Amino acid sequence: MQIAIYFVNLIEKRITFIMETVSINKILQLFNRLPKADQLEIAERINKQTFEERWQSLDNQMPNSMLSEEEIMTEVRAVRYDNKKA
């Protein structure tokens, strides 16, 4: 059992080392060599995995003010009627 744990630890250390030495440019080079269908699948997975962080970043950039229902409706009407004039 101790031998198995030793090998698992050794493998984890080597994987960590390999991951730390692979540059973003190398990853992009490998990515660009993939078929477009695979590139799209990978992009979709990355999109899903990073959605929450990107959403939080955008949310933090937005003003955090409370609007009343009347203020919201005033803005909606302004946009709606402005679009009908165009």
PDB file of N, CA and C in Angstrom:
ATOM      1  N   MET A   1       0.817  -1.189   0.000  1.00  0.00           N
ATOM      2  CA  MET A   1       0.000   0.000   0.000  1.00  0.00           C
ATOM      3  C   MET A   1       0.865   1.260   0.000  1.00  0.00           C
ATOM      4  N   GLN A   2       1.940   1.244   0.787  1.00  0.00           N
ATOM      5  CA  GLN A   2       2.818   2.407   0.849  1.00  0.00           C
ATOM      6  C   GLN A   2       3.497   2.656  -0.494  1.00  0.00           C
ATOM      7  N   ILE A   3       3.811   1.607  -1.215  1.00  0.00           N
ATOM      8  CA  ILE A   3       4.439   1.747  -2.529  1.00  0.00           C
ATOM      9  C   ILE A   3       3.473   2.427  -3.491  1.00  0.00           C
ATOM     10  N   ALA A   4       2.206   2.022  -3.440  1.00  0.00           N
ATOM     11  CA  ALA A   4       1.206   2.632  -4.315  1.00  0.00           C
ATOM     12  C   ALA A   4       1.052   4.122  -3.999  1.00  0.00           C
ATOM     13  N   ILE A   5       0.997   4.456  -2.725  1.00  0.00           N
ATOM     14  CA  ILE A   5       0.894   5.867  -2.320  1.00  0.00           C
ATOM     15  C   ILE A   5       2.124   6.636  -2.797  1.00  0.00           C
ATOM     16  N   TYR A   6       3.298   6.037  -2.662  1.00  0.00           N
ATOM     17  CA  TYR A   6       4.526   6.667  -3.132  1.00  0.00           C
ATOM     18  C   TYR A   6       4.444   6.981  -4.624  1.00  0.00           C
ATOM     19  N   PHE A   7       3.994   6.010  -5.418  1.00  0.00           N
ATOM     20  CA  PHE A   7       3.900   6.216  -6.858  1.00  0.00           C
ATOM     21  C   PHE A   7       2.839   7.273  -7.212  1.00  0.00           C
ATOM     22  N   VAL A   8       1.745   7.256  -6.491  1.00  0.00           N
ATOM     23  CA  VAL A   8       0.714   8.274  -6.739  1.00  0.00           C
ATOM     24  C   VAL A   8       1.282   9.658  -6.465  1.00  0.00           C
ATOM     25  N   ASN A   9       1.976   9.809  -5.355  1.00  0.00           N
ATOM     26  CA  ASN A   9       2.589  11.098  -5.020  1.00  0.00           C
ATOM     27  C   ASN A   9       3.618  11.503  -6.065  1.00  0.00           C
ATOM     28  N   LEU A  10       4.406  10.554  -6.506  1.00  0.00           N
ATOM     29  CA  LEU A  10       5.423  10.819  -7.519  1.00  0.00           C
ATOM     30  C   LEU A  10       4.772  11.274  -8.832  1.00  0.00           C
ATOM     31  N   ILE A  11       3.727  10.572  -9.225  1.00  0.00           N
ATOM     32  CA  ILE A  11       3.020  10.922 -10.467  1.00  0.00           C
ATOM     33  C   ILE A  11       2.404  12.304 -10.342  1.00  0.00           C
ATOM     34  N   GLU A  12       1.775  12.609  -9.193  1.00  0.00           N
ATOM     35  CA  GLU A  12       1.171  13.924  -8.998  1.00  0.00           C
ATOM     36  C   GLU A  12       2.229  15.026  -9.086  1.00  0.00           C
ATOM     37  N   LYS A  13       3.388  14.800  -8.511  1.00  0.00           N
ATOM     38  CA  LYS A  13       4.461  15.794  -8.575  1.00  0.00           C
ATOM     39  C   LYS A  13       4.926  15.997 -10.010  1.00  0.00           C
ATOM     40  N   ARG A  14       5.055  14.920 -10.773  1.00  0.00           N
ATOM     41  CA  ARG A  14       5.490  15.035 -12.166  1.00  0.00           C
ATOM     42  C   ARG A  14       4.440  15.732 -13.014  1.00  0.00           C
ATOM     43  N   ILE A  15       3.171  15.427 -12.782  1.00  0.00           N
ATOM     44  CA  ILE A  15       2.105  16.095 -13.527  1.00  0.00           C
ATOM     45  C   ILE A  15       2.114  17.587 -13.212  1.00  0.00           C
ATOM     46  N   THR A  16       2.276  17.933 -11.952  1.00  0.00           N
ATOM     47  CA  THR A  16       2.349  19.341 -11.567  1.00  0.00           C
ATOM     48  C   THR A  16       3.520  20.017 -12.257  1.00  0.00           C
ATOM     49  N   PHE A  17       4.674  19.358 -12.284  1.00  0.00           N
ATOM     50  CA  PHE A  17       5.851  19.919 -12.943  1.00  0.00           C
ATOM     51  C   PHE A  17       5.590  20.136 -14.425  1.00  0.00           C
ATOM     52  N   ILE A  18       4.994  19.144 -15.074  1.00  0.00           N
ATOM     53  CA  ILE A  18       4.711  19.258 -16.514  1.00  0.00           C
ATOM     54  C   ILE A  18       3.748  20.406 -16.762  1.00  0.00           C
ATOM     55  N   MET A  19       2.705  20.509 -15.955  1.00  0.00           N
ATOM     56  CA  MET A  19       1.719  21.572 -16.140  1.00  0.00           C
ATOM     57  C   MET A  19       2.342  22.949 -15.931  1.00  0.00           C
ATOM     58  N   GLU A  20       3.282  23.060 -15.002  1.00  0.00           N
ATOM     59  CA  GLU A  20       3.911  24.346 -14.736  1.00  0.00           C
ATOM     60  C   GLU A  20       4.860  24.751 -15.856  1.00  0.00           C
ATOM     61  N   THR A  21       5.389  23.783 -16.601  1.00  0.00           N
ATOM     62  CA  THR A  21       6.365  24.115 -17.631  1.00  0.00           C
ATOM     63  C   THR A  21       5.735  24.306 -19.011  1.00  0.00           C
ATOM     64  N   VAL A  22       4.454  23.966 -19.165  1.00  0.00           N
ATOM     65  CA  VAL A  22       3.782  24.152 -20.449  1.00  0.00           C
ATOM     66  C   VAL A  22       3.312  25.601 -20.520  1.00  0.00           C
ATOM     67  N   SER A  23       3.758  26.295 -21.557  1.00  0.00           N
ATOM     68  CA  SER A  23       3.390  27.703 -21.682  1.00  0.00           C
ATOM     69  C   SER A  23       2.049  27.851 -22.388  1.00  0.00           C
ATOM     70  N   ILE A  24       1.475  29.006 -22.227  1.00  0.00           N
ATOM     71  CA  ILE A  24       0.218  29.307 -22.910  1.00  0.00           C
ATOM     72  C   ILE A  24       0.413  29.223 -24.415  1.00  0.00           C
ATOM     73  N   ASN A  25       1.538  29.707 -24.901  1.00  0.00           N
ATOM     74  CA  ASN A  25       1.803  29.639 -26.342  1.00  0.00           C
ATOM     75  C   ASN A  25       1.835  28.202 -26.848  1.00  0.00           C
ATOM     76  N   LYS A  26       2.419  27.304 -26.068  1.00  0.00           N
ATOM     77  CA  LYS A  26       2.469  25.898 -26.464  1.00  0.00           C
ATOM     78  C   LYS A  26       1.066  25.303 -26.487  1.00  0.00           C
ATOM     79  N   ILE A  27       0.261  25.635 -25.504  1.00  0.00           N
ATOM     80  CA  ILE A  27      -1.116  25.147 -25.472  1.00  0.00           C
ATOM     81  C   ILE A  27      -1.870  25.656 -26.694  1.00  0.00           C
ATOM     82  N   LEU A  28      -1.695  26.932 -27.029  1.00  0.00           N
ATOM     83  CA  LEU A  28      -2.376  27.491 -28.198  1.00  0.00           C
ATOM     84  C   LEU A  28      -1.890  26.855 -29.496  1.00  0.00           C
ATOM     85  N   GLN A  29      -0.604  26.542 -29.586  1.00  0.00           N
ATOM     86  CA  GLN A  29      -0.090  25.863 -30.773  1.00  0.00           C
ATOM     87  C   GLN A  29      -0.755  24.500 -30.943  1.00  0.00           C
ATOM     88  N   LEU A  30      -0.853  23.765 -29.843  1.00  0.00           N
ATOM     89  CA  LEU A  30      -1.507  22.455 -29.901  1.00  0.00           C
ATOM     90  C   LEU A  30      -2.993  22.609 -30.233  1.00  0.00           C
ATOM     91  N   PHE A  31      -3.616  23.593 -29.642  1.00  0.00           N
ATOM     92  CA  PHE A  31      -5.034  23.863 -29.902  1.00  0.00           C
ATOM     93  C   PHE A  31      -5.267  24.155 -31.385  1.00  0.00           C
ATOM     94  N   ASN A  32      -4.406  24.962 -31.976  1.00  0.00           N
ATOM     95  CA  ASN A  32      -4.555  25.338 -33.384  1.00  0.00           C
ATOM     96  C   ASN A  32      -4.359  24.166 -34.334  1.00  0.00           C
ATOM     97  N   ARG A  33      -3.709  23.116 -33.881  1.00  0.00           N
ATOM     98  CA  ARG A  33      -3.502  21.933 -34.717  1.00  0.00           C
ATOM     99  C   ARG A  33      -4.710  20.993 -34.705  1.00  0.00           C
ATOM    100  N   LEU A  34      -5.635  21.229 -33.787  1.00  0.00           N
ATOM    101  CA  LEU A  34      -6.812  20.363 -33.689  1.00  0.00           C
ATOM    102  C   LEU A  34      -7.806  20.683 -34.791  1.00  0.00           C
ATOM    103  N   PRO A  35      -8.651  19.720 -35.143  1.00  0.00           N
ATOM    104  CA  PRO A  35      -9.738  19.999 -36.092  1.00  0.00           C
ATOM    105  C   PRO A  35     -10.680  21.056 -35.505  1.00  0.00           C
ATOM    106  N   LYS A  36     -11.329  21.809 -36.366  1.00  0.00           N
ATOM    107  CA  LYS A  36     -12.210  22.890 -35.916  1.00  0.00           C
ATOM    108  C   LYS A  36     -13.297  22.391 -34.968  1.00  0.00           C
ATOM    109  N   ALA A  37     -13.840  21.222 -35.228  1.00  0.00           N
ATOM    110  CA  ALA A  37     -14.897  20.686 -34.350  1.00  0.00           C
ATOM    111  C   ALA A  37     -14.372  20.510 -32.923  1.00  0.00           C
ATOM    112  N   ASP A  38     -13.144  20.020 -32.789  1.00  0.00           N
ATOM    113  CA  ASP A  38     -12.544  19.857 -31.462  1.00  0.00           C
ATOM    114  C   ASP A  38     -12.255  21.207 -30.826  1.00  0.00           C
ATOM    115  N   GLN A  39     -11.799  22.160 -31.635  1.00  0.00           N
ATOM    116  CA  GLN A  39     -11.555  23.506 -31.115  1.00  0.00           C
ATOM    117  C   GLN A  39     -12.836  24.118 -30.555  1.00  0.00           C
ATOM    118  N   LEU A  40     -13.936  23.928 -31.277  1.00  0.00           N
ATOM    119  CA  LEU A  40     -15.219  24.462 -30.817  1.00  0.00           C
ATOM    120  C   LEU A  40     -15.669  23.793 -29.522  1.00  0.00           C
ATOM    121  N   GLU A  41     -15.471  22.492 -29.421  1.00  0.00           N
ATOM    122  CA  GLU A  41     -15.848  21.781 -28.197  1.00  0.00           C
ATOM    123  C   GLU A  41     -15.026  22.267 -27.011  1.00  0.00           C
ATOM    124  N   ILE A  42     -13.723  22.433 -27.210  1.00  0.00           N
ATOM    125  CA  ILE A  42     -12.853  22.914 -26.140  1.00  0.00           C
ATOM    126  C   ILE A  42     -13.236  24.334 -25.747  1.00  0.00           C
ATOM    127  N   ALA A  43     -13.491  25.187 -26.737  1.00  0.00           N
ATOM    128  CA  ALA A  43     -13.886  26.567 -26.448  1.00  0.00           C
ATOM    129  C   ALA A  43     -15.179  26.601 -25.642  1.00  0.00           C
ATOM    130  N   GLU A  44     -16.130  25.752 -25.983  1.00  0.00           N
ATOM    131  CA  GLU A  44     -17.398  25.694 -25.251  1.00  0.00           C
ATOM    132  C   GLU A  44     -17.184  25.244 -23.812  1.00  0.00           C
ATOM    133  N   ARG A  45     -16.319  24.262 -23.629  1.00  0.00           N
ATOM    134  CA  ARG A  45     -16.031  23.790 -22.265  1.00  0.00           C
ATOM    135  C   ARG A  45     -15.349  24.876 -21.440  1.00  0.00           C
ATOM    136  N   ILE A  46     -14.399  25.586 -22.048  1.00  0.00           N
ATOM    137  CA  ILE A  46     -13.727  26.685 -21.339  1.00  0.00           C
ATOM    138  C   ILE A  46     -14.734  27.768 -21.012  1.00  0.00           C
ATOM    139  N   ASN A  47     -15.614  28.061 -21.962  1.00  0.00           N
ATOM    140  CA  ASN A  47     -16.657  29.061 -21.738  1.00  0.00           C
ATOM    141  C   ASN A  47     -17.509  28.685 -20.523  1.00  0.00           C
ATOM    142  N   LYS A  48     -17.915  27.425 -20.441  1.00  0.00           N
ATOM    143  CA  LYS A  48     -18.739  26.972 -19.320  1.00  0.00           C
ATOM    144  C   LYS A  48     -17.969  27.025 -18.002  1.00  0.00           C
ATOM    145  N   GLN A  49     -16.702  26.645 -18.043  1.00  0.00           N
ATOM    146  CA  GLN A  49     -15.911  26.599 -16.807  1.00  0.00           C
ATOM    147  C   GLN A  49     -15.560  27.978 -16.279  1.00  0.00           C
ATOM    148  N   THR A  50     -15.523  28.971 -17.147  1.00  0.00           N
ATOM    149  CA  THR A  50     -15.113  30.312 -16.718  1.00  0.00           C
ATOM    150  C   THR A  50     -16.268  31.294 -16.645  1.00  0.00           C
ATOM    151  N   PHE A  51     -17.491  30.830 -16.894  1.00  0.00           N
ATOM    152  CA  PHE A  51     -18.643  31.726 -16.933  1.00  0.00           C
ATOM    153  C   PHE A  51     -18.814  32.499 -15.628  1.00  0.00           C
ATOM    154  N   GLU A  52     -18.772  31.797 -14.511  1.00  0.00           N
ATOM    155  CA  GLU A  52     -19.019  32.457 -13.230  1.00  0.00           C
ATOM    156  C   GLU A  52     -18.000  33.565 -12.955  1.00  0.00           C
ATOM    157  N   GLU A  53     -16.728  33.306 -13.223  1.00  0.00           N
ATOM    158  CA  GLU A  53     -15.700  34.319 -12.992  1.00  0.00           C
ATOM    159  C   GLU A  53     -15.890  35.523 -13.910  1.00  0.00           C
ATOM    160  N   ARG A  54     -16.227  35.248 -15.185  1.00  0.00           N
ATOM    161  CA  ARG A  54     -16.448  36.355 -16.121  1.00  0.00           C
ATOM    162  C   ARG A  54     -17.678  37.149 -15.732  1.00  0.00           C
ATOM    163  N   TRP A  55     -18.728  36.457 -15.272  1.00  0.00           N
ATOM    164  CA  TRP A  55     -19.946  37.135 -14.850  1.00  0.00           C
ATOM    165  C   TRP A  55     -19.652  38.034 -13.647  1.00  0.00           C
ATOM    166  N   GLN A  56     -18.920  37.513 -12.663  1.00  0.00           N
ATOM    167  CA  GLN A  56     -18.582  38.306 -11.486  1.00  0.00           C
ATOM    168  C   GLN A  56     -17.760  39.536 -11.859  1.00  0.00           C
ATOM    169  N   SER A  57     -16.844  39.382 -12.793  1.00  0.00           N
ATOM    170  CA  SER A  57     -16.031  40.508 -13.246  1.00  0.00           C
ATOM    171  C   SER A  57     -16.905  41.588 -13.872  1.00  0.00           C
ATOM    172  N   LEU A  58     -17.832  41.175 -14.738  1.00  0.00           N
ATOM    173  CA  LEU A  58     -18.742  42.145 -15.346  1.00  0.00           C
ATOM    174  C   LEU A  58     -19.671  42.765 -14.310  1.00  0.00           C
ATOM    175  N   ASP A  59     -20.177  41.945 -13.404  1.00  0.00           N
ATOM    176  CA  ASP A  59     -21.085  42.435 -12.369  1.00  0.00           C
ATOM    177  C   ASP A  59     -20.397  43.468 -11.485  1.00  0.00           C
ATOM    178  N   ASN A  60     -19.131  43.251 -11.183  1.00  0.00           N
ATOM    179  CA  ASN A  60     -18.386  44.196 -10.348  1.00  0.00           C
ATOM    180  C   ASN A  60     -18.152  45.532 -11.049  1.00  0.00           C
ATOM    181  N   GLN A  61     -18.194  45.537 -12.373  1.00  0.00           N
ATOM    182  CA  GLN A  61     -17.991  46.772 -13.129  1.00  0.00           C
ATOM    183  C   GLN A  61     -19.268  47.608 -13.232  1.00  0.00           C
ATOM    184  N   MET A  62     -20.401  46.980 -12.994  1.00  0.00           N
ATOM    185  CA  MET A  62     -21.677  47.674 -13.133  1.00  0.00           C
ATOM    186  C   MET A  62     -22.017  48.428 -11.857  1.00  0.00           C
ATOM    187  N   PRO A  63     -22.702  49.578 -12.010  1.00  0.00           N
ATOM    188  CA  PRO A  63     -23.132  50.300 -10.803  1.00  0.00           C
ATOM    189  C   PRO A  63     -24.141  49.459 -10.031  1.00  0.00           C
ATOM    190  N   ASN A  64     -24.104  49.572  -8.746  1.00  0.00           N
ATOM    191  CA  ASN A  64     -24.958  48.755  -7.899  1.00  0.00           C
ATOM    192  C   ASN A  64     -26.004  49.647  -7.224  1.00  0.00           C
ATOM    193  N   SER A  65     -26.870  50.233  -8.030  1.00  0.00           N
ATOM    194  CA  SER A  65     -27.896  51.101  -7.466  1.00  0.00           C
ATOM    195  C   SER A  65     -29.260  50.449  -7.605  1.00  0.00           C
ATOM    196  N   MET A  66     -30.086  50.671  -6.644  1.00  0.00           N
ATOM    197  CA  MET A  66     -31.434  50.109  -6.648  1.00  0.00           C
ATOM    198  C   MET A  66     -32.348  51.050  -7.420  1.00  0.00           C
ATOM    199  N   LEU A  67     -33.089  50.516  -8.367  1.00  0.00           N
ATOM    200  CA  LEU A  67     -34.042  51.297  -9.142  1.00  0.00           C
ATOM    201  C   LEU A  67     -35.449  50.885  -8.752  1.00  0.00           C
ATOM    202  N   SER A  68     -36.304  51.864  -8.689  1.00  0.00           N
ATOM    203  CA  SER A  68     -37.707  51.543  -8.413  1.00  0.00           C
ATOM    204  C   SER A  68     -38.348  51.013  -9.687  1.00  0.00           C
ATOM    205  N   GLU A  69     -39.502  50.401  -9.530  1.00  0.00           N
ATOM    206  CA  GLU A  69     -40.227  49.895 -10.694  1.00  0.00           C
ATOM    207  C   GLU A  69     -40.575  51.039 -11.645  1.00  0.00           C
ATOM    208  N   GLU A  70     -40.922  52.177 -11.091  1.00  0.00           N
ATOM    209  CA  GLU A  70     -41.276  53.336 -11.924  1.00  0.00           C
ATOM    210  C   GLU A  70     -40.063  53.833 -12.722  1.00  0.00           C
ATOM    211  N   GLU A  71     -38.880  53.850 -12.106  1.00  0.00           N
ATOM    212  CA  GLU A  71     -37.672  54.273 -12.821  1.00  0.00           C
ATOM    213  C   GLU A  71     -37.354  53.298 -13.964  1.00  0.00           C
ATOM    214  N   ILE A  72     -37.541  52.032 -13.705  1.00  0.00           N
ATOM    215  CA  ILE A  72     -37.290  51.029 -14.744  1.00  0.00           C
ATOM    216  C   ILE A  72     -38.263  51.227 -15.900  1.00  0.00           C
ATOM    217  N   MET A  73     -39.541  51.402 -15.593  1.00  0.00           N
ATOM    218  CA  MET A  73     -40.545  51.582 -16.634  1.00  0.00           C
ATOM    219  C   MET A  73     -40.310  52.870 -17.423  1.00  0.00           C
ATOM    220  N   THR A  74     -39.834  53.918 -16.759  1.00  0.00           N
ATOM    221  CA  THR A  74     -39.517  55.167 -17.452  1.00  0.00           C
ATOM    222  C   THR A  74     -38.417  54.931 -18.485  1.00  0.00           C
ATOM    223  N   GLU A  75     -37.401  54.181 -18.106  1.00  0.00           N
ATOM    224  CA  GLU A  75     -36.320  53.879 -19.048  1.00  0.00           C
ATOM    225  C   GLU A  75     -36.803  52.987 -20.183  1.00  0.00           C
ATOM    226  N   VAL A  76     -37.630  52.006 -19.867  1.00  0.00           N
ATOM    227  CA  VAL A  76     -38.165  51.116 -20.903  1.00  0.00           C
ATOM    228  C   VAL A  76     -38.979  51.925 -21.910  1.00  0.00           C
ATOM    229  N   ARG A  77     -39.840  52.791 -21.397  1.00  0.00           N
ATOM    230  CA  ARG A  77     -40.667  53.613 -22.304  1.00  0.00           C
ATOM    231  C   ARG A  77     -39.795  54.517 -23.167  1.00  0.00           C
ATOM    232  N   ALA A  78     -38.774  55.097 -22.583  1.00  0.00           N
ATOM    233  CA  ALA A  78     -37.895  55.996 -23.336  1.00  0.00           C
ATOM    234  C   ALA A  78     -37.231  55.243 -24.484  1.00  0.00           C
ATOM    235  N   VAL A  79     -36.750  54.048 -24.215  1.00  0.00           N
ATOM    236  CA  VAL A  79     -36.098  53.251 -25.260  1.00  0.00           C
ATOM    237  C   VAL A  79     -37.124  52.811 -26.298  1.00  0.00           C
ATOM    238  N   ARG A  80     -38.275  52.353 -25.840  1.00  0.00           N
ATOM    239  CA  ARG A  80     -39.312  51.870 -26.754  1.00  0.00           C
ATOM    240  C   ARG A  80     -39.774  52.985 -27.691  1.00  0.00           C
ATOM    241  N   TYR A  81     -40.064  54.148 -27.142  1.00  0.00           N
ATOM    242  CA  TYR A  81     -40.569  55.236 -27.982  1.00  0.00           C
ATOM    243  C   TYR A  81     -39.480  55.836 -28.850  1.00  0.00           C
ATOM    244  N   ASP A  82     -38.242  55.804 -28.388  1.00  0.00           N
ATOM    245  CA  ASP A  82     -37.133  56.305 -29.199  1.00  0.00           C
ATOM    246  C   ASP A  82     -36.922  55.388 -30.396  1.00  0.00           C
ATOM    247  N   ASN A  83     -37.070  54.081 -30.194  1.00  0.00           N
ATOM    248  CA  ASN A  83     -36.897  53.126 -31.301  1.00  0.00           C
ATOM    249  C   ASN A  83     -38.011  53.241 -32.321  1.00  0.00           C
ATOM    250  N   LYS A  84     -39.218  53.607 -31.894  1.00  0.00           N
ATOM    251  CA  LYS A  84     -40.342  53.733 -32.827  1.00  0.00           C
ATOM    252  C   LYS A  84     -40.187  54.968 -33.710  1.00  0.00           C
ATOM    253  N   LYS A  85     -39.484  55.998 -33.224  1.00  0.00           N
ATOM    254  CA  LYS A  85     -39.253  57.198 -34.003  1.00  0.00           C
ATOM    255  C   LYS A  85     -38.266  56.953 -35.136  1.00  0.00           C
ATOM    256  N   ALA A  86     -37.354  56.041 -34.925  1.00  0.00           N
ATOM    257  CA  ALA A  86     -36.289  55.786 -35.919  1.00  0.00           C
ATOM    258  C   ALA A  86     -36.785  55.056 -37.130  1.00  0.00           C
TER     259      ALA A  86
END
